[in-house]
Amino acid sequence: MLLNYFSNKEELDKLLSDNSPLFFQKHFSDYLTDNNLGSLNIFYHNETKTFLPIVFTQSRFLNIARIADIPFNGNVVDNELEKSIISDFLHFCRRESIADRVTYYLPFHTFKTYPKKSTFCNTGHLEVNLKAVEKSQIMPNLFSSKVRNMVKRAERANVFIKSGDDCFEDFFRLYSESNSRYGAIIDDYNLVKSLYNHLGEYCSCFVAYKTGLPQCSALILNNAKYGYYLYAGSDSKMEPGSSNLLQYEIMKVLKNKGIEKYYLGGYRLKAEGTKFKGVQNFKKSLGGEVVMGYLWKIDISRLKCFIYNTMLRVKNVSLGVKLQKDYIDSQL
């Protein structure tokens, strides 16, 4: 297969459209570039007319390529085609010396296969099929009986949902506070706000309120067909049912936009005894279906990656910082 790639802004603007998958869009590309988070490159197989978006980040020592989305050609890419595309891309990286390490960007999707000599884990992602139901049937057809009861409980307690620019500060405060309680990583305020501003109509924040006090929140990304549940937060004394009502209203909004699938994030197989177990059960109760697959990473320049990992460990030890495992390592 002949592999081409597009990296400059003019080429990307011609190639991408608002109907492209979210991580192929020029709005996302501009967000990365303007915040020095890397550059979006679109790799293209001429023979199969299949695209693969890659976010490249460069440091003084290590260059990393992060696959931002699964291969896309307008149809479902089968196992063999995905395997061939990934193999060609890795060969291109080695030949052109453009990446020392290849990994994933966000775990919204899982791969059907994994490359030889890669480090991989069996995992899954959660998705809600909004195309299969009418808006009026979201609650009875998708939600469990417990969720339906919690939605009604929140409504009786006069919890209401707001969205828009005026909600951003409340959204982020709840996100920051809840992640602090769970010891989770908190993304920088300016980066989250920049993402919100760059994506415009394709990024929405929702907040549940009771008597004017924010209870829980979410930041949702979307393109023409897909929605992505990116960030969430809650108050430590949240009114029961608020998060259920929030998700119900989000799904209705997505349905009005013509969204066909709502991606809820990754599904960890090794979640027992962790905070992720309850989160995953909550997402499944919303009609989330588990789609199994793989996430993987591979070191192309093994010596450079070994030295980089060693330097990072030494630095963290000297600073007294515990090195957090990435998604893949935590599932091995």
Protein backbone atom coordinates (compact mmCIF):
# COMPACT_ATOMS: atom_id res chain seq x y z
CA MET A 1 0.00 0.00 0.00
CA LEU A 2 1.16 3.53 -0.69
CA LEU A 3 1.11 5.59 2.48
CA ASN A 4 0.84 9.38 2.33
CA TYR A 5 0.47 11.82 5.14
CA PHE A 6 -0.87 15.32 5.50
CA SER A 7 0.54 17.63 8.16
CA ASN A 8 0.42 21.30 7.15
CA LYS A 9 -2.64 23.41 7.90
CA GLU A 10 -3.61 24.03 4.27
CA GLU A 11 -3.64 20.32 3.45
CA LEU A 12 -5.60 19.46 6.58
CA ASP A 13 -8.20 22.15 5.96
CA LYS A 14 -8.88 20.67 2.51
CA LEU A 15 -8.94 17.11 3.80
CA LEU A 16 -11.02 17.52 6.93
CA SER A 17 -14.63 18.58 7.35
CA ASP A 18 -17.09 19.01 10.19
CA ASN A 19 -18.49 15.60 9.26
CA SER A 20 -15.13 13.92 9.88
CA PRO A 21 -14.66 11.93 13.10
CA LEU A 22 -13.90 14.32 15.97
CA PHE A 23 -10.16 13.65 16.19
CA PHE A 24 -9.80 14.21 12.43
CA GLN A 25 -11.29 17.71 12.60
CA LYS A 26 -9.38 20.92 12.01
CA HIS A 27 -10.86 22.37 15.23
CA PHE A 28 -9.02 19.66 17.15
CA SER A 29 -5.87 20.19 15.09
CA ASP A 30 -5.90 23.93 15.89
CA TYR A 31 -6.40 23.18 19.61
CA LEU A 32 -3.27 20.98 19.65
CA THR A 33 -1.14 23.44 17.71
CA ASP A 34 -2.19 26.56 19.61
CA ASN A 35 -1.44 24.90 22.96
CA ASN A 36 1.85 23.29 21.90
CA LEU A 37 0.39 19.84 22.57
CA GLY A 38 1.62 18.35 19.34
CA SER A 39 0.64 18.30 15.70
CA LEU A 40 -2.15 16.36 14.02
CA ASN A 41 -1.09 14.35 10.99
CA ILE A 42 -3.48 12.37 8.82
CA PHE A 43 -2.03 9.24 7.23
CA TYR A 44 -3.79 7.95 4.14
CA HIS A 45 -3.79 4.63 2.29
CA ASN A 46 -4.41 5.33 -1.38
CA GLU A 47 -5.47 1.77 -2.17
CA THR A 48 -8.18 1.48 0.51
CA LYS A 49 -8.91 5.20 0.93
CA THR A 50 -8.48 4.79 4.69
CA PHE A 51 -7.38 7.55 7.07
CA LEU A 52 -5.46 7.30 10.34
CA PRO A 53 -5.04 10.39 12.58
CA ILE A 54 -1.80 10.67 14.55
CA VAL A 55 -0.84 13.23 17.17
CA PHE A 56 2.94 13.76 17.18
CA THR A 57 4.68 15.21 20.22
CA GLN A 58 8.37 16.01 20.21
CA SER A 59 10.70 16.58 23.12
CA ARG A 60 14.43 17.05 23.37
CA PHE A 61 14.86 13.31 23.79
CA LEU A 62 11.80 11.31 22.68
CA ASN A 63 9.31 11.61 19.83
CA ILE A 64 5.94 10.00 20.47
CA ALA A 65 3.18 9.20 17.98
CA ARG A 66 -0.29 8.80 19.52
CA ILE A 67 -3.02 7.22 17.42
CA ALA A 68 -5.97 9.55 17.96
CA ASP A 69 -8.71 7.36 16.49
CA ILE A 70 -9.26 4.00 14.84
CA PRO A 71 -8.72 3.80 11.05
CA PHE A 72 -11.57 5.43 9.13
CA ASN A 73 -12.81 5.06 5.56
CA GLY A 74 -16.55 5.62 5.95
CA ASN A 75 -17.19 1.92 6.60
CA VAL A 76 -16.35 -0.57 9.34
CA VAL A 77 -12.64 -1.40 9.04
CA ASP A 78 -12.21 -5.15 9.56
CA ASN A 79 -9.44 -6.91 11.48
CA GLU A 80 -7.20 -7.63 8.52
CA LEU A 81 -7.39 -4.11 7.11
CA GLU A 82 -6.72 -2.56 10.52
CA LYS A 83 -3.76 -4.88 11.03
CA SER A 84 -2.36 -4.00 7.59
CA ILE A 85 -2.78 -0.26 8.11
CA ILE A 86 -1.10 -0.31 11.52
CA SER A 87 1.74 -2.47 10.18
CA ASP A 88 2.33 -0.06 7.30
CA PHE A 89 2.26 2.91 9.64
CA LEU A 90 4.83 1.35 11.98
CA HIS A 91 7.04 0.51 9.01
CA PHE A 92 6.74 4.14 7.87
CA CYS A 93 7.76 5.36 11.35
CA ARG A 94 10.86 3.15 11.32
CA ARG A 95 11.83 4.08 7.77
CA GLU A 96 11.41 7.81 8.25
CA SER A 97 12.58 7.87 11.91
CA ILE A 98 9.62 10.06 12.87
CA ALA A 99 8.65 8.33 16.14
CA ASP A 100 10.48 6.53 18.93
CA ARG A 101 7.29 5.28 20.56
CA VAL A 102 3.75 4.68 19.25
CA THR A 103 0.75 4.51 21.57
CA TYR A 104 -2.91 5.57 21.83
CA TYR A 105 -4.28 9.08 22.48
CA LEU A 106 -7.58 8.54 24.38
CA PRO A 107 -9.29 5.18 25.12
CA PHE A 108 -12.65 6.01 23.52
CA HIS A 109 -12.16 3.22 20.99
CA THR A 110 -10.37 -0.10 21.16
CA PHE A 111 -8.41 -1.76 18.40
CA LYS A 112 -9.42 -5.10 16.90
CA THR A 113 -5.81 -6.30 16.74
CA TYR A 114 -2.37 -5.47 18.10
CA PRO A 115 1.07 -5.41 16.42
CA LYS A 116 3.77 -8.00 16.98
CA LYS A 117 6.24 -7.14 19.76
CA SER A 118 3.87 -4.54 21.23
CA THR A 119 2.78 -4.28 24.85
CA PHE A 120 -0.98 -4.72 24.86
CA CYS A 121 -3.92 -5.32 27.14
CA ASN A 122 -7.37 -6.80 26.68
CA THR A 123 -9.82 -4.04 27.41
CA GLY A 124 -13.01 -2.49 26.14
CA HIS A 125 -14.93 0.70 25.63
CA LEU A 126 -18.51 1.62 26.46
CA GLU A 127 -20.90 3.00 23.86
CA VAL A 128 -24.61 3.83 23.77
CA ASN A 129 -26.43 3.21 20.51
CA LEU A 130 -28.63 6.30 20.24
CA LYS A 131 -29.48 5.57 16.62
CA ALA A 132 -31.51 2.53 17.70
CA VAL A 133 -34.00 4.48 19.85
CA GLU A 134 -36.32 7.43 19.52
CA LYS A 135 -35.74 10.31 21.92
CA SER A 136 -38.92 9.48 23.81
CA GLN A 137 -37.69 5.92 24.27
CA ILE A 138 -34.25 6.67 25.75
CA MET A 139 -35.33 6.17 29.34
CA PRO A 140 -37.52 3.05 28.97
CA ASN A 141 -35.32 1.31 26.38
CA LEU A 142 -31.79 2.16 27.54
CA PHE A 143 -31.88 2.84 31.27
CA SER A 144 -32.09 0.24 34.02
CA SER A 145 -35.09 0.41 36.37
CA LYS A 146 -32.81 1.82 39.08
CA VAL A 147 -31.66 4.66 36.81
CA ARG A 148 -35.23 5.45 35.79
CA ASN A 149 -36.23 5.71 39.46
CA MET A 150 -33.23 7.92 40.23
CA VAL A 151 -34.10 10.27 37.35
CA LYS A 152 -37.63 10.65 38.70
CA ARG A 153 -36.27 11.19 42.22
CA ALA A 154 -34.03 14.02 41.02
CA GLU A 155 -36.92 15.61 39.15
CA ARG A 156 -39.10 15.48 42.27
CA ALA A 157 -36.26 17.18 44.17
CA ASN A 158 -36.38 20.02 41.60
CA VAL A 159 -32.96 19.27 40.14
CA PHE A 160 -32.61 20.94 36.74
CA ILE A 161 -29.99 20.92 33.98
CA LYS A 162 -28.29 23.89 32.37
CA SER A 163 -25.74 24.03 29.56
CA GLY A 164 -23.72 26.70 27.83
CA ASP A 165 -20.85 29.11 28.42
CA ASP A 166 -22.27 30.33 31.73
CA CYS A 167 -21.90 26.82 33.16
CA PHE A 168 -18.21 26.32 32.41
CA GLU A 169 -16.84 27.61 35.72
CA ASP A 170 -19.24 25.43 37.73
CA PHE A 171 -18.43 22.45 35.51
CA PHE A 172 -14.68 22.81 36.01
CA ARG A 173 -14.90 23.39 39.76
CA LEU A 174 -16.88 20.19 40.23
CA TYR A 175 -14.53 18.28 37.93
CA SER A 176 -11.48 19.55 39.81
CA GLU A 177 -12.93 18.92 43.27
CA SER A 178 -14.16 15.40 42.55
CA ASN A 179 -10.88 14.36 40.91
CA SER A 180 -9.04 15.70 43.96
CA ARG A 181 -11.20 13.53 46.22
CA TYR A 182 -10.35 10.42 44.20
CA GLY A 183 -6.67 11.26 43.74
CA ALA A 184 -7.10 11.41 39.96
CA ILE A 185 -5.19 13.58 37.50
CA ILE A 186 -6.71 17.04 36.92
CA ASP A 187 -6.14 18.58 33.51
CA ASP A 188 -5.07 22.21 33.50
CA TYR A 189 -7.92 24.75 33.54
CA ASN A 190 -6.49 26.76 30.64
CA LEU A 191 -6.14 23.65 28.45
CA VAL A 192 -9.70 22.49 29.14
CA LYS A 193 -11.04 25.99 28.49
CA SER A 194 -9.03 26.18 25.28
CA LEU A 195 -10.48 22.86 24.11
CA TYR A 196 -13.97 24.16 24.88
CA ASN A 197 -13.34 27.36 22.93
CA HIS A 198 -11.62 25.73 19.95
CA LEU A 199 -14.29 23.08 19.38
CA GLY A 200 -17.11 25.60 19.71
CA GLU A 201 -20.45 23.97 18.89
CA TYR A 202 -18.77 20.56 19.08
CA CYS A 203 -18.03 20.88 22.79
CA SER A 204 -20.72 21.41 25.45
CA CYS A 205 -20.71 21.60 29.23
CA PHE A 206 -23.71 20.49 31.27
CA VAL A 207 -24.38 21.13 34.97
CA ALA A 208 -27.14 19.83 37.24
CA TYR A 209 -28.38 22.37 39.82
CA LYS A 210 -30.61 22.30 42.87
CA THR A 211 -31.69 25.60 44.42
CA GLY A 212 -28.95 27.26 42.39
CA LEU A 213 -26.19 25.00 43.74
CA PRO A 214 -24.25 22.84 41.24
CA GLN A 215 -24.55 19.10 41.91
CA CYS A 216 -22.69 17.41 39.06
CA SER A 217 -21.28 18.27 35.65
CA ALA A 218 -19.98 16.89 32.37
CA LEU A 219 -18.07 18.07 29.31
CA ILE A 220 -19.22 16.42 26.08
CA LEU A 221 -17.51 16.45 22.69
CA ASN A 222 -19.25 15.58 19.44
CA ASN A 223 -19.06 15.64 15.68
CA ALA A 224 -21.92 15.04 13.26
CA LYS A 225 -22.40 11.39 14.29
CA TYR A 226 -20.62 10.65 17.57
CA GLY A 227 -20.65 12.03 21.11
CA TYR A 228 -17.82 11.63 23.65
CA TYR A 229 -18.13 11.79 27.45
CA LEU A 230 -14.77 13.42 28.24
CA TYR A 231 -14.90 15.00 31.73
CA ALA A 232 -17.22 14.70 34.71
CA GLY A 233 -17.47 16.06 38.24
CA SER A 234 -19.75 15.95 41.25
CA ASP A 235 -20.27 17.63 44.59
CA SER A 236 -19.42 15.57 47.68
CA LYS A 237 -23.03 16.02 48.85
CA MET A 238 -24.70 15.63 45.46
CA GLU A 239 -28.48 15.31 45.44
CA PRO A 240 -29.28 11.63 44.69
CA GLY A 241 -30.24 11.05 41.08
CA SER A 242 -28.59 14.21 39.77
CA SER A 243 -26.00 12.37 37.69
CA ASN A 244 -28.70 10.13 36.19
CA LEU A 245 -30.85 13.11 35.24
CA LEU A 246 -27.78 14.86 33.82
CA GLN A 247 -26.99 11.94 31.51
CA TYR A 248 -30.64 11.67 30.45
CA GLU A 249 -30.67 15.32 29.38
CA ILE A 250 -27.30 14.94 27.61
CA MET A 251 -28.58 12.00 25.59
CA LYS A 252 -31.68 13.93 24.56
CA VAL A 253 -29.52 16.83 23.38
CA LEU A 254 -27.23 14.46 21.45
CA LYS A 255 -30.24 12.77 19.90
CA ASN A 256 -31.54 16.16 18.72
CA LYS A 257 -28.16 16.74 17.05
CA GLY A 258 -28.45 13.50 15.12
CA ILE A 259 -25.77 11.72 17.15
CA GLU A 260 -25.78 7.97 16.49
CA LYS A 261 -23.37 6.72 19.14
CA TYR A 262 -22.40 8.12 22.54
CA TYR A 263 -18.98 6.95 23.70
CA LEU A 264 -18.62 6.74 27.48
CA GLY A 265 -14.92 5.91 27.69
CA GLY A 266 -12.81 2.86 28.45
CA TYR A 267 -13.89 -0.33 30.22
CA ARG A 268 -11.22 -1.88 32.46
CA LEU A 269 -11.29 -5.62 33.01
CA LYS A 270 -9.23 -5.26 36.19
CA ALA A 271 -11.49 -2.82 38.02
CA GLU A 272 -12.46 -4.80 41.14
CA GLY A 273 -11.63 -2.87 44.29
CA THR A 274 -10.95 0.37 42.43
CA LYS A 275 -12.92 3.56 41.88
CA PHE A 276 -13.41 2.53 38.26
CA LYS A 277 -15.74 -0.36 39.14
CA GLY A 278 -18.55 1.92 40.33
CA VAL A 279 -18.05 4.31 37.43
CA GLN A 280 -18.25 1.48 34.91
CA ASN A 281 -21.38 0.04 36.51
CA PHE A 282 -22.99 3.48 36.34
CA LYS A 283 -22.19 3.80 32.64
CA LYS A 284 -23.54 0.31 31.91
CA SER A 285 -26.78 1.21 33.71
CA LEU A 286 -27.23 4.03 31.18
CA GLY A 287 -27.41 1.54 28.34
CA GLY A 288 -23.67 1.41 27.75
CA GLU A 289 -22.64 -1.66 25.79
CA VAL A 290 -19.15 -3.08 26.31
CA VAL A 291 -17.18 -3.49 23.08
CA MET A 292 -14.07 -5.58 23.66
CA GLY A 293 -10.73 -5.09 21.96
CA TYR A 294 -7.14 -4.07 22.68
CA LEU A 295 -5.02 -1.07 23.53
CA TRP A 296 -1.34 -1.30 22.74
CA LYS A 297 1.94 0.59 22.65
CA ILE A 298 5.25 -0.20 21.04
CA ASP A 299 8.78 1.14 21.42
CA ILE A 300 10.35 1.57 18.01
CA SER A 301 13.64 3.01 19.33
CA ARG A 302 14.04 0.61 22.24
CA LEU A 303 17.30 1.99 23.60
CA LYS A 304 16.07 5.60 23.59
CA CYS A 305 12.81 4.55 25.26
CA PHE A 306 14.70 2.54 27.90
CA ILE A 307 16.94 5.51 28.69
CA TYR A 308 13.93 7.85 28.77
CA ASN A 309 12.01 5.57 31.17
CA THR A 310 15.06 5.27 33.43
CA MET A 311 15.57 9.04 33.50
CA LEU A 312 11.89 9.55 34.31
CA ARG A 313 12.01 7.07 37.19
CA VAL A 314 15.17 8.68 38.63
CA LYS A 315 13.59 12.14 38.37
CA ASN A 316 10.40 11.05 40.12
CA VAL A 317 12.31 9.30 42.90
CA SER A 318 14.41 12.41 43.50
CA LEU A 319 11.24 14.51 43.69
CA GLY A 320 9.42 11.99 45.86
CA VAL A 321 6.72 11.57 43.19
CA LYS A 322 5.09 8.19 42.59
CA LEU A 323 5.13 7.25 38.93
CA GLN A 324 1.56 6.52 37.84
CA LYS A 325 0.99 3.57 35.54
CA ASP A 326 -0.67 4.28 32.22
CA TYR A 327 -3.90 2.58 31.20
CA ILE A 328 -2.16 -0.38 29.56
CA ASP A 329 0.31 -1.09 32.37
CA SER A 330 -2.47 -0.93 34.96
CA GLN A 331 -4.28 -3.77 33.17
CA LEU A 332 -1.32 -6.13 32.80
